[in-house]
Amino acid sequence: MKNLTFIGVLLLALAFLLYYMLPQFSFVKLFEPINLMGILAGIGIGLIIGGIVGYVSKGSALREEQKRKELKQLRKEKEDLERQAAELARQQAIQNTSNENPQNY
């Protein structure tokens, strides 16, 4: 979004520079209705494009965040399963050891 703001300011400066380079330049003509309509139309188009780009980038960010959450959840589940498998293996090893060495009464 910062890049869009920078580009908007840059284009606004370029437009003012081009207007300043006109042979009949004057600050009074800058505020004539036709020029004001052009300025407002440019601002409106910029806001529309900025809104669309912002909406798309926010959607992308939300999807990436969802993927990160799912990956974190899967890693947590994997760790839990590994712990359970290690515990089960330990219990089976203890059981096998006790079966191999029966006590005499």
Protein backbone atom coordinates (compact mmCIF):
# COMPACT_ATOMS: atom_id res chain seq x y z
CA MET A 1 0.00 0.00 0.00
CA LYS A 2 2.92 2.36 0.63
CA ASN A 3 4.09 1.78 -2.92
CA LEU A 4 0.66 2.73 -4.26
CA THR A 5 0.71 5.97 -2.28
CA PHE A 6 4.18 6.76 -3.60
CA ILE A 7 3.12 6.07 -7.18
CA GLY A 8 0.00 8.22 -6.72
CA VAL A 9 2.05 11.17 -5.44
CA LEU A 10 4.55 10.68 -8.26
CA LEU A 11 1.80 10.71 -10.91
CA LEU A 12 0.21 13.77 -9.32
CA ALA A 13 3.56 15.57 -9.43
CA LEU A 14 4.02 14.53 -13.05
CA ALA A 15 0.57 15.86 -13.94
CA PHE A 16 1.33 19.19 -12.26
CA LEU A 17 4.69 19.36 -14.05
CA LEU A 18 3.02 18.77 -17.42
CA TYR A 19 0.40 21.40 -16.63
CA TYR A 20 3.14 23.83 -15.56
CA MET A 21 4.95 23.31 -18.88
CA LEU A 22 1.91 24.50 -20.88
CA PRO A 23 2.53 27.84 -22.60
CA GLN A 24 -0.61 29.42 -21.10
CA PHE A 25 0.12 28.29 -17.51
CA SER A 26 -1.40 30.23 -14.64
CA PHE A 27 -2.52 29.28 -11.16
CA VAL A 28 -5.91 30.88 -11.82
CA LYS A 29 -6.57 28.53 -14.75
CA LEU A 30 -5.72 25.60 -12.49
CA PHE A 31 -9.00 26.17 -10.64
CA GLU A 32 -11.22 26.52 -13.68
CA PRO A 33 -14.07 23.99 -13.86
CA ILE A 34 -12.59 21.92 -16.69
CA ASN A 35 -9.28 21.52 -14.88
CA LEU A 36 -10.96 20.73 -11.58
CA MET A 37 -13.04 18.06 -13.32
CA GLY A 38 -9.85 16.49 -14.67
CA ILE A 39 -8.21 16.55 -11.26
CA LEU A 40 -11.24 15.04 -9.53
CA ALA A 41 -11.61 12.40 -12.24
CA GLY A 42 -7.95 11.42 -11.80
CA ILE A 43 -8.37 11.19 -8.04
CA GLY A 44 -11.53 9.10 -8.45
CA ILE A 45 -9.90 6.68 -10.87
CA GLY A 46 -6.92 6.41 -8.54
CA LEU A 47 -9.15 5.63 -5.58
CA ILE A 48 -11.03 2.97 -7.53
CA ILE A 49 -7.84 1.28 -8.70
CA GLY A 50 -6.33 1.58 -5.21
CA GLY A 51 -9.42 0.00 -3.67
CA ILE A 52 -9.33 -2.93 -6.06
CA VAL A 53 -5.62 -3.52 -5.49
CA GLY A 54 -6.10 -3.23 -1.73
CA TYR A 55 -8.97 -5.71 -1.78
CA VAL A 56 -6.95 -8.21 -3.81
CA SER A 57 -3.83 -7.86 -1.63
CA LYS A 58 -5.87 -8.23 1.56
CA GLY A 59 -7.48 -11.40 0.20
CA SER A 60 -4.04 -12.79 -0.63
CA ALA A 61 -2.77 -11.94 2.84
CA LEU A 62 -5.76 -13.64 4.46
CA ARG A 63 -5.24 -16.78 2.40
CA GLU A 64 -1.55 -16.87 3.33
CA GLU A 65 -2.41 -16.46 7.01
CA GLN A 66 -4.92 -19.31 6.77
CA LYS A 67 -2.27 -21.54 5.17
CA ARG A 68 0.18 -20.68 7.97
CA LYS A 69 -2.40 -21.56 10.62
CA GLU A 70 -3.18 -24.88 8.92
CA LEU A 71 0.53 -25.71 8.65
CA LYS A 72 1.06 -24.88 12.32
CA GLN A 73 -1.89 -27.08 13.28
CA LEU A 74 -0.56 -29.95 11.15
CA ARG A 75 2.88 -29.66 12.75
CA LYS A 76 1.32 -29.74 16.21
CA GLU A 77 -0.71 -32.84 15.30
CA LYS A 78 2.42 -34.50 13.89
CA GLU A 79 4.33 -33.84 17.12
CA ASP A 80 1.45 -35.28 19.15
CA LEU A 81 1.35 -38.41 16.97
CA GLU A 82 5.13 -38.82 17.28
CA ARG A 83 4.88 -38.56 21.07
CA GLN A 84 2.09 -41.13 21.13
CA ALA A 85 4.09 -43.47 18.88
CA ALA A 86 7.17 -43.10 21.11
CA GLU A 87 5.09 -43.76 24.23
CA LEU A 88 3.49 -46.83 22.64
CA ALA A 89 6.91 -48.13 21.53
CA ARG A 90 8.26 -47.60 25.06
CA GLN A 91 5.31 -49.47 26.58
CA GLN A 92 5.72 -52.35 24.15
CA ALA A 93 9.44 -52.53 24.92
CA ILE A 94 8.69 -52.70 28.64
CA GLN A 95 6.04 -55.37 28.05
CA ASN A 96 8.40 -57.43 25.88
CA THR A 97 11.12 -57.18 28.51
CA SER A 98 8.77 -58.35 31.26
CA ASN A 99 7.57 -61.28 29.10
CA GLU A 100 11.14 -62.43 28.38
CA ASN A 101 12.13 -62.46 32.04
CA PRO A 102 9.32 -64.15 33.94
CA GLN A 103 9.78 -64.28 37.68
CA ASN A 104 9.93 -67.64 39.41
CA TYR A 105 7.70 -68.14 42.42
